[in-house]
Amino acid sequence: MNKRPIFIAALSLAASAVAFAAEAAPVKNIVIVHGALADGSGWREVTEILQKRGFQVTIVQEPITSLDEDVAATKRVLDLQEGPSLLVGHSYGGMVITQAGNDPAVAGLVYVAAFQPDKGESLLSLASTKPAGSMDIKETKDGKYLYLDPGAFAADFAADLPKADGDFLARSQVFASKEAFSAKITEPAWRIKPSWSIVATQDRAINPDLERDMAKRAGSQVTEIKASHAVFASQPEKVADIIEKAASKAGK
């Protein structure tokens, strides 16, 4: 009896099983892109929760000087990861992951109270479709950057955080260039990658209905959380749960 065909078939079956197992393995790298007006430090609690669950978490501290430079900063962090990554973006960070998510190492996208643009859309063009709360945005003296008045920061951005935490966010905020806010997306990654969206129902920075509309258009799996725009800081356990779920699904 010729055992060679049986051996080859068994070898092929084993290889297929290994390939399937690798394909179905959950993603372990989480790369977080913070939004404008608040840097990555507010993501510490989410990071610690995910690390305890076995994830490798890295936060991109993008400069918010231009969309291209922020995408480049994100790709530099993606290049440091071993294996596929899940990209998480908050607010303006949603613009960044939509473009950076085309990187072949990205397995999926999670939008956290974030902009989820289509081709040719900018943050400003989206925000104007459904105005949010009375965000007290001001310009720097050179007219090139925008910031949120520290006196209004807690109410507009982080109403569900303790006052001390809101004050810290206000004093450590990252100014955003007008150039970054007006830049248009060329290739939205959510068209080819699975995506998840968290809608912050008490959001005053992005209209919650706009968050819902963008997520529906993208076919994202949506979770609504009663929280301010700073949902990542006020509801870290719930946000971590969604990220973990997304990571488990993105690898399949």
Protein backbone atom coordinates (compact mmCIF):
# COMPACT_ATOMS: atom_id res chain seq x y z
CA MET A 1 0.00 0.00 0.00
CA ASN A 2 1.33 3.41 -0.99
CA LYS A 3 1.32 5.47 2.19
CA ARG A 4 2.65 8.64 0.51
CA PRO A 5 -0.80 10.10 -0.49
CA ILE A 6 -2.08 9.47 3.05
CA PHE A 7 0.99 11.18 4.53
CA ILE A 8 0.62 14.19 2.21
CA ALA A 9 -3.09 14.48 3.02
CA ALA A 10 -2.38 14.33 6.75
CA LEU A 11 0.37 16.95 6.42
CA SER A 12 -1.94 19.22 4.45
CA LEU A 13 -4.70 18.79 7.04
CA ALA A 14 -2.30 19.63 9.88
CA ALA A 15 -1.06 22.73 8.07
CA SER A 16 -4.63 23.87 7.50
CA ALA A 17 -5.44 23.36 11.18
CA VAL A 18 -2.42 25.43 12.22
CA ALA A 19 -3.33 28.19 9.77
CA PHE A 20 -6.92 28.25 11.02
CA ALA A 21 -5.79 28.41 14.63
CA ALA A 22 -3.47 31.33 13.86
CA GLU A 23 -6.21 33.10 11.94
CA ALA A 24 -8.72 32.61 14.75
CA ALA A 25 -6.36 33.68 17.53
CA PRO A 26 -7.46 36.85 19.33
CA VAL A 27 -5.47 40.00 18.72
CA LYS A 28 -3.18 40.81 21.67
CA ASN A 29 -1.78 44.19 20.60
CA ILE A 30 -3.91 47.23 21.40
CA VAL A 31 -2.76 50.57 19.98
CA ILE A 32 -4.66 53.58 21.34
CA VAL A 33 -4.78 56.95 19.58
CA HIS A 34 -5.96 59.76 21.84
CA GLY A 35 -8.11 62.60 20.62
CA ALA A 36 -7.59 66.33 20.56
CA LEU A 37 -7.65 68.37 23.78
CA ALA A 38 -6.68 65.39 25.99
CA ASP A 39 -3.49 63.35 25.75
CA GLY A 40 -2.96 59.65 26.32
CA SER A 41 -2.56 59.86 30.11
CA GLY A 42 -6.33 59.63 30.58
CA TRP A 43 -6.17 56.10 29.15
CA ARG A 44 -4.08 54.77 32.02
CA GLU A 45 -6.90 52.91 33.78
CA VAL A 46 -8.14 51.29 30.56
CA THR A 47 -4.55 50.30 29.81
CA GLU A 48 -4.03 48.71 33.22
CA ILE A 49 -7.31 46.77 32.95
CA LEU A 50 -6.37 45.41 29.52
CA GLN A 51 -2.83 44.55 30.60
CA LYS A 52 -4.22 42.47 33.46
CA ARG A 53 -6.28 40.63 30.85
CA GLY A 54 -3.16 39.74 28.89
CA PHE A 55 -3.02 42.49 26.26
CA GLN A 56 0.01 44.46 25.11
CA VAL A 57 -1.18 48.10 25.14
CA THR A 58 0.62 51.06 23.58
CA ILE A 59 -0.62 54.65 23.44
CA VAL A 60 0.29 56.92 20.54
CA GLN A 61 1.12 60.44 21.71
CA GLU A 62 0.49 62.06 18.35
CA PRO A 63 1.34 65.78 17.99
CA ILE A 64 -1.99 66.84 16.40
CA THR A 65 -0.09 69.13 14.07
CA SER A 66 -1.52 67.59 10.90
CA LEU A 67 -3.44 64.46 9.99
CA ASP A 68 -0.51 63.14 7.95
CA GLU A 69 1.91 63.58 10.84
CA ASP A 70 -0.52 61.95 13.27
CA VAL A 71 -1.00 58.99 10.95
CA ALA A 72 2.78 58.69 10.62
CA ALA A 73 3.15 58.73 14.42
CA THR A 74 0.58 55.94 14.66
CA LYS A 75 2.32 53.84 12.03
CA ARG A 76 5.62 54.16 13.89
CA VAL A 77 3.95 52.58 16.92
CA LEU A 78 2.29 49.89 14.79
CA ASP A 79 5.71 48.98 13.40
CA LEU A 80 6.89 48.16 16.93
CA GLN A 81 4.22 45.53 17.49
CA GLU A 82 4.69 41.81 16.89
CA GLY A 83 1.64 40.41 15.16
CA PRO A 84 -1.69 42.06 14.32
CA SER A 85 -3.01 45.07 16.23
CA LEU A 86 -6.37 46.52 17.13
CA LEU A 87 -6.48 50.30 16.63
CA VAL A 88 -8.53 52.32 19.12
CA GLY A 89 -9.30 55.99 18.51
CA HIS A 90 -11.03 58.61 20.64
CA SER A 91 -12.61 61.77 19.20
CA TYR A 92 -10.15 63.19 16.61
CA GLY A 93 -8.26 59.92 17.03
CA GLY A 94 -11.06 58.36 14.99
CA MET A 95 -9.87 60.42 12.02
CA VAL A 96 -6.35 59.10 12.53
CA ILE A 97 -7.24 55.40 12.83
CA THR A 98 -9.54 55.65 9.82
CA GLN A 99 -6.52 56.53 7.68
CA ALA A 100 -3.79 54.62 9.57
CA GLY A 101 -6.00 51.53 9.78
CA ASN A 102 -5.19 50.67 6.18
CA ASP A 103 -1.86 49.32 7.43
CA PRO A 104 -1.89 45.53 6.83
CA ALA A 105 -0.95 44.92 10.49
CA VAL A 106 -4.29 46.37 11.65
CA ALA A 107 -6.95 43.73 12.30
CA GLY A 108 -9.79 46.00 13.38
CA LEU A 109 -10.85 49.45 14.55
CA VAL A 110 -12.60 50.67 17.71
CA TYR A 111 -14.12 54.15 17.72
CA VAL A 112 -14.62 55.60 21.21
CA ALA A 113 -16.88 58.68 21.09
CA ALA A 114 -15.00 59.35 17.88
CA PHE A 115 -15.29 60.74 14.39
CA GLN A 116 -15.68 57.99 11.82
CA PRO A 117 -15.21 59.73 8.47
CA ASP A 118 -15.75 58.56 4.93
CA LYS A 119 -13.59 59.45 1.95
CA GLY A 120 -13.31 63.21 1.42
CA GLU A 121 -14.64 64.12 4.86
CA SER A 122 -12.83 66.14 7.53
CA LEU A 123 -13.48 66.59 11.23
CA LEU A 124 -14.87 70.07 10.57
CA SER A 125 -17.18 68.94 7.77
CA LEU A 126 -18.60 66.14 9.93
CA ALA A 127 -18.97 68.25 13.07
CA SER A 128 -20.95 70.87 11.17
CA THR A 129 -23.64 68.37 10.13
CA LYS A 130 -24.94 67.92 13.68
CA PRO A 131 -23.67 70.58 16.10
CA ALA A 132 -22.94 69.33 19.62
CA GLY A 133 -22.92 71.25 22.91
CA SER A 134 -21.62 74.73 23.54
CA MET A 135 -17.94 73.75 23.30
CA ASP A 136 -16.04 76.91 24.26
CA ILE A 137 -13.27 76.50 21.69
CA LYS A 138 -10.70 79.28 21.41
CA GLU A 139 -7.82 80.09 19.09
CA THR A 140 -4.20 80.58 20.07
CA LYS A 141 -2.74 84.03 19.37
CA ASP A 142 -1.10 82.85 16.16
CA GLY A 143 -4.49 81.65 14.89
CA LYS A 144 -3.12 78.21 14.01
CA TYR A 145 -4.24 76.11 16.98
CA LEU A 146 -7.43 75.49 18.93
CA TYR A 147 -8.03 74.72 22.60
CA LEU A 148 -10.95 74.38 25.01
CA ASP A 149 -11.31 77.14 27.58
CA PRO A 150 -10.08 75.57 30.86
CA GLY A 151 -13.01 77.14 32.69
CA ALA A 152 -15.48 75.28 30.48
CA PHE A 153 -13.49 72.08 30.09
CA ALA A 154 -15.14 70.05 32.85
CA ALA A 155 -18.71 70.76 31.73
CA ASP A 156 -18.04 70.41 28.00
CA PHE A 157 -15.60 67.50 27.96
CA ALA A 158 -15.64 65.58 31.24
CA ALA A 159 -18.80 66.33 33.20
CA ASP A 160 -18.90 62.84 34.79
CA LEU A 161 -15.36 62.93 36.17
CA PRO A 162 -14.40 64.15 39.65
CA LYS A 163 -13.60 67.87 39.58
CA ALA A 164 -9.91 67.32 40.25
CA ASP A 165 -9.63 64.95 37.30
CA GLY A 166 -11.48 67.33 35.00
CA ASP A 167 -9.23 70.19 36.09
CA PHE A 168 -6.12 68.10 35.36
CA LEU A 169 -7.37 67.26 31.87
CA ALA A 170 -8.05 70.94 31.26
CA ARG A 171 -4.52 71.92 32.31
CA SER A 172 -2.81 69.14 30.36
CA GLN A 173 -4.83 69.41 27.16
CA VAL A 174 -3.15 69.07 23.77
CA PHE A 175 -3.84 71.98 21.42
CA ALA A 176 -5.04 70.92 17.98
CA SER A 177 -3.96 72.52 14.74
CA LYS A 178 -6.63 73.85 12.42
CA GLU A 179 -4.82 71.98 9.66
CA ALA A 180 -5.49 68.65 11.38
CA PHE A 181 -9.18 69.43 11.79
CA SER A 182 -9.63 70.42 8.14
CA ALA A 183 -7.69 67.49 6.59
CA LYS A 184 -9.73 65.07 4.49
CA ILE A 185 -9.64 61.27 4.60
CA THR A 186 -8.51 59.55 1.41
CA GLU A 187 -9.12 55.85 2.14
CA PRO A 188 -11.37 54.92 5.10
CA ALA A 189 -10.09 51.69 6.63
CA TRP A 190 -13.51 50.76 8.03
CA ARG A 191 -14.55 49.86 4.49
CA ILE A 192 -12.20 46.87 4.55
CA LYS A 193 -11.66 46.22 8.29
CA PRO A 194 -14.18 45.22 11.00
CA SER A 195 -15.11 48.07 13.32
CA TRP A 196 -16.75 48.73 16.67
CA SER A 197 -18.17 51.99 17.97
CA ILE A 198 -18.86 53.35 21.44
CA VAL A 199 -21.48 56.11 21.55
CA ALA A 200 -21.22 58.36 24.60
CA THR A 201 -24.84 59.33 25.12
CA GLN A 202 -24.04 62.45 27.19
CA ASP A 203 -21.36 63.69 24.79
CA ARG A 204 -21.15 67.48 24.37
CA ALA A 205 -18.11 67.45 22.08
CA ILE A 206 -19.59 65.22 19.35
CA ASN A 207 -23.33 64.98 18.91
CA PRO A 208 -24.33 61.42 19.96
CA ASP A 209 -26.66 61.22 16.95
CA LEU A 210 -23.69 61.94 14.69
CA GLU A 211 -21.77 59.13 16.40
CA ARG A 212 -24.72 56.82 15.76
CA ASP A 213 -25.04 57.86 12.10
CA MET A 214 -21.34 57.40 11.37
CA ALA A 215 -21.31 53.97 13.04
CA LYS A 216 -24.40 52.84 11.14
CA ARG A 217 -22.91 53.96 7.83
CA ALA A 218 -19.73 52.01 8.56
CA GLY A 219 -21.58 48.91 9.68
CA SER A 220 -19.86 49.04 13.06
CA GLN A 221 -21.01 47.04 16.06
CA VAL A 222 -22.35 49.70 18.41
CA THR A 223 -22.43 49.96 22.20
CA GLU A 224 -23.99 52.95 23.92
CA ILE A 225 -22.61 54.10 27.27
CA LYS A 226 -24.12 56.84 29.42
CA ALA A 227 -21.08 59.06 29.72
CA SER A 228 -19.43 62.31 28.72
CA HIS A 229 -16.94 62.72 25.89
CA ALA A 230 -14.31 61.49 28.37
CA VAL A 231 -16.00 58.06 28.49
CA PHE A 232 -12.58 56.37 28.38
CA ALA A 233 -11.76 57.93 31.77
CA SER A 234 -15.18 57.87 33.44
CA GLN A 235 -16.16 54.34 32.34
CA PRO A 236 -12.82 52.54 31.86
CA GLU A 237 -14.13 49.05 32.69
CA LYS A 238 -16.91 49.26 30.10
CA VAL A 239 -14.58 50.67 27.47
CA ALA A 240 -12.02 47.94 28.19
CA ASP A 241 -14.76 45.30 27.85
CA ILE A 242 -15.62 46.54 24.33
CA ILE A 243 -11.97 46.63 23.31
CA GLU A 244 -11.45 43.09 24.59
CA LYS A 245 -14.52 41.87 22.71
CA ALA A 246 -13.33 43.57 19.54
CA ALA A 247 -9.88 42.00 19.89
CA SER A 248 -11.40 38.53 20.24
CA LYS A 249 -13.52 39.02 17.12
CA ALA A 250 -10.98 40.86 14.94
CA GLY A 251 -8.68 37.86 14.88
CA LYS A 252 -11.30 35.56 13.37
